[in-house]
Amino acid sequence: MALTDNLVWGSKLDNNSNDVLGISNGTDTNITYSSGNGKINQGGGFNGTDSRINTNTSGFSGTTDFTIAYG
């Protein structure tokens, strides 16, 4: 199984929350992009309270299992 199998949305968070699949770009709320947040480019910094990315992607819901990964 490839890492991208069954992927419904993904972003590099490299100065934006654009979808790497090109299906549904995200809309940022209270996310700071800077070189201090990224190892290579402009990474996304979340404040731990009200930072979020809204998408129009189906596949996310309160009853569906999903994974959020960072690295």
N, C-alpha and C. Protein backbone atom coordinates (compact mmCIF):
# COMPACT_ATOMS: atom_id res chain seq x y z
N MET A 1 0.85 -1.17 0.00
CA MET A 1 0.00 0.00 0.00
C MET A 1 0.89 1.24 0.00
N ALA A 2 0.65 2.13 -0.92
CA ALA A 2 1.41 3.37 -1.00
C ALA A 2 0.88 4.38 0.01
N LEU A 3 1.74 5.29 0.40
CA LEU A 3 1.36 6.31 1.37
C LEU A 3 0.17 7.14 0.90
N THR A 4 0.04 7.32 -0.40
CA THR A 4 -1.05 8.14 -0.95
C THR A 4 -2.33 7.37 -1.24
N ASP A 5 -2.34 6.04 -1.04
CA ASP A 5 -3.56 5.27 -1.24
C ASP A 5 -4.64 5.75 -0.28
N ASN A 6 -5.83 5.98 -0.79
CA ASN A 6 -6.99 6.43 -0.01
C ASN A 6 -6.83 7.82 0.57
N LEU A 7 -5.86 8.59 0.10
CA LEU A 7 -5.67 9.96 0.57
C LEU A 7 -6.82 10.82 0.05
N VAL A 8 -7.51 11.54 0.94
CA VAL A 8 -8.61 12.41 0.52
C VAL A 8 -8.21 13.89 0.53
N TRP A 9 -7.18 14.22 1.26
CA TRP A 9 -6.69 15.61 1.28
C TRP A 9 -5.30 15.60 1.88
N GLY A 10 -4.43 16.44 1.36
CA GLY A 10 -3.09 16.55 1.92
C GLY A 10 -2.48 17.90 1.57
N SER A 11 -1.66 18.42 2.44
CA SER A 11 -0.99 19.69 2.20
C SER A 11 0.43 19.62 2.72
N LYS A 12 1.34 20.25 2.00
CA LYS A 12 2.72 20.36 2.48
C LYS A 12 2.83 21.45 3.55
N LEU A 13 1.81 22.30 3.65
CA LEU A 13 1.82 23.46 4.55
C LEU A 13 3.06 24.32 4.30
N ASP A 14 3.42 24.45 3.04
CA ASP A 14 4.56 25.25 2.61
C ASP A 14 4.06 26.62 2.15
N ASN A 15 3.85 27.51 3.10
CA ASN A 15 3.37 28.87 2.88
C ASN A 15 1.90 28.95 2.48
N ASN A 16 1.19 27.82 2.53
CA ASN A 16 -0.24 27.81 2.25
C ASN A 16 -0.80 26.43 2.60
N SER A 17 -2.12 26.29 2.51
CA SER A 17 -2.74 25.00 2.78
C SER A 17 -3.35 24.42 1.51
N ASN A 18 -2.67 24.63 0.38
CA ASN A 18 -3.16 24.08 -0.88
C ASN A 18 -3.11 22.56 -0.84
N ASP A 19 -4.11 21.94 -1.43
CA ASP A 19 -4.24 20.49 -1.48
C ASP A 19 -3.24 19.93 -2.49
N VAL A 20 -2.40 18.98 -2.09
CA VAL A 20 -1.41 18.39 -2.99
C VAL A 20 -2.08 17.56 -4.09
N LEU A 21 -3.34 17.16 -3.88
CA LEU A 21 -4.08 16.43 -4.91
C LEU A 21 -4.73 17.37 -5.91
N GLY A 22 -4.81 18.67 -5.57
CA GLY A 22 -5.42 19.64 -6.46
C GLY A 22 -6.94 19.59 -6.48
N ILE A 23 -7.54 18.99 -5.45
CA ILE A 23 -8.99 18.83 -5.42
C ILE A 23 -9.66 19.95 -4.64
N SER A 24 -9.17 20.27 -3.45
CA SER A 24 -9.83 21.24 -2.58
C SER A 24 -8.80 21.95 -1.72
N ASN A 25 -8.37 23.13 -2.13
CA ASN A 25 -7.43 23.90 -1.31
C ASN A 25 -8.09 24.32 -0.01
N GLY A 26 -7.29 24.35 1.04
CA GLY A 26 -7.81 24.72 2.35
C GLY A 26 -7.86 26.22 2.54
N THR A 27 -8.65 26.64 3.51
CA THR A 27 -8.73 28.04 3.93
C THR A 27 -8.18 28.11 5.35
N ASP A 28 -7.10 28.89 5.51
CA ASP A 28 -6.41 28.99 6.79
C ASP A 28 -7.12 29.96 7.75
N THR A 29 -7.09 29.62 9.02
CA THR A 29 -7.51 30.52 10.08
C THR A 29 -6.43 30.49 11.17
N ASN A 30 -5.85 31.63 11.45
CA ASN A 30 -4.85 31.80 12.50
C ASN A 30 -3.67 30.83 12.39
N ILE A 31 -3.14 30.69 11.19
CA ILE A 31 -1.94 29.90 10.95
C ILE A 31 -0.84 30.86 10.49
N THR A 32 0.33 30.74 11.09
CA THR A 32 1.46 31.59 10.74
C THR A 32 2.47 30.78 9.95
N TYR A 33 2.81 31.23 8.75
CA TYR A 33 3.81 30.56 7.92
C TYR A 33 5.12 31.31 8.04
N SER A 34 6.17 30.60 8.39
CA SER A 34 7.49 31.22 8.51
C SER A 34 8.57 30.15 8.40
N SER A 35 9.79 30.58 8.14
CA SER A 35 10.91 29.63 8.08
C SER A 35 11.18 29.03 9.45
N GLY A 36 10.79 29.70 10.52
CA GLY A 36 10.95 29.16 11.87
C GLY A 36 10.04 27.97 12.14
N ASN A 37 8.95 27.86 11.36
CA ASN A 37 8.02 26.75 11.52
C ASN A 37 8.31 25.59 10.57
N GLY A 38 9.20 25.81 9.60
CA GLY A 38 9.48 24.77 8.61
C GLY A 38 10.94 24.36 8.61
N LYS A 39 11.20 23.13 8.24
CA LYS A 39 12.58 22.65 8.17
C LYS A 39 13.23 23.05 6.85
N ILE A 40 12.43 23.17 5.78
CA ILE A 40 12.98 23.49 4.47
C ILE A 40 12.49 24.85 4.00
N ASN A 41 11.19 25.08 4.03
CA ASN A 41 10.60 26.33 3.53
C ASN A 41 9.75 26.99 4.61
N GLN A 42 8.63 27.55 4.21
CA GLN A 42 7.73 28.26 5.11
C GLN A 42 6.71 27.31 5.71
N GLY A 43 6.97 26.75 6.87
CA GLY A 43 6.06 25.80 7.52
C GLY A 43 4.91 26.50 8.21
N GLY A 44 3.85 25.74 8.45
CA GLY A 44 2.66 26.28 9.12
C GLY A 44 2.77 26.15 10.63
N GLY A 45 2.50 27.25 11.32
CA GLY A 45 2.51 27.25 12.78
C GLY A 45 1.08 27.37 13.31
N PHE A 46 0.68 26.40 14.13
CA PHE A 46 -0.65 26.37 14.72
C PHE A 46 -0.55 26.81 16.17
N ASN A 47 -1.49 27.65 16.64
CA ASN A 47 -1.38 28.23 17.97
C ASN A 47 -1.92 27.34 19.09
N GLY A 48 -2.53 26.21 18.76
CA GLY A 48 -3.00 25.29 19.79
C GLY A 48 -4.37 25.61 20.34
N THR A 49 -4.99 26.69 19.88
CA THR A 49 -6.34 27.00 20.37
C THR A 49 -7.34 27.13 19.23
N ASP A 50 -7.11 28.04 18.30
CA ASP A 50 -8.12 28.25 17.25
C ASP A 50 -7.56 28.24 15.83
N SER A 51 -6.34 27.74 15.64
CA SER A 51 -5.80 27.58 14.29
C SER A 51 -6.49 26.40 13.63
N ARG A 52 -6.83 26.56 12.36
CA ARG A 52 -7.48 25.46 11.65
C ARG A 52 -7.37 25.66 10.14
N ILE A 53 -7.64 24.57 9.43
CA ILE A 53 -7.73 24.60 7.97
C ILE A 53 -9.08 24.02 7.61
N ASN A 54 -9.90 24.81 6.93
CA ASN A 54 -11.21 24.34 6.45
C ASN A 54 -11.05 23.88 5.01
N THR A 55 -11.67 22.73 4.70
CA THR A 55 -11.66 22.21 3.33
C THR A 55 -13.08 21.85 2.93
N ASN A 56 -13.28 21.71 1.64
CA ASN A 56 -14.57 21.23 1.12
C ASN A 56 -14.48 19.75 0.78
N THR A 57 -13.53 19.06 1.37
CA THR A 57 -13.28 17.67 1.05
C THR A 57 -14.23 16.76 1.78
N SER A 58 -14.93 15.91 1.04
CA SER A 58 -15.73 14.88 1.70
C SER A 58 -14.77 13.78 2.13
N GLY A 59 -15.10 13.07 3.13
CA GLY A 59 -14.21 12.04 3.65
C GLY A 59 -13.78 12.32 5.08
N PHE A 60 -13.93 13.56 5.53
CA PHE A 60 -13.68 13.90 6.92
C PHE A 60 -15.02 14.05 7.61
N SER A 61 -15.21 13.37 8.72
CA SER A 61 -16.41 13.59 9.52
C SER A 61 -16.11 13.09 10.93
N GLY A 62 -17.00 13.38 11.83
CA GLY A 62 -16.81 12.97 13.20
C GLY A 62 -16.89 11.47 13.40
N THR A 63 -17.41 10.75 12.41
CA THR A 63 -17.55 9.30 12.55
C THR A 63 -16.60 8.52 11.65
N THR A 64 -15.73 9.21 10.93
CA THR A 64 -14.78 8.55 10.03
C THR A 64 -13.39 8.61 10.63
N ASP A 65 -12.68 7.48 10.64
CA ASP A 65 -11.30 7.47 11.10
C ASP A 65 -10.43 8.23 10.11
N PHE A 66 -9.52 9.04 10.62
CA PHE A 66 -8.56 9.71 9.76
C PHE A 66 -7.27 9.94 10.53
N THR A 67 -6.22 10.21 9.80
CA THR A 67 -4.90 10.43 10.38
C THR A 67 -4.42 11.82 10.06
N ILE A 68 -3.87 12.48 11.03
CA ILE A 68 -3.17 13.74 10.83
C ILE A 68 -1.72 13.47 11.16
N ALA A 69 -0.85 13.75 10.22
CA ALA A 69 0.57 13.48 10.42
C ALA A 69 1.38 14.73 10.20
N TYR A 70 2.44 14.87 10.93
CA TYR A 70 3.39 15.96 10.73
C TYR A 70 4.77 15.39 10.95
N GLY A 71 5.73 16.10 10.46
CA GLY A 71 7.05 15.55 10.63
C GLY A 71 8.17 16.47 10.39
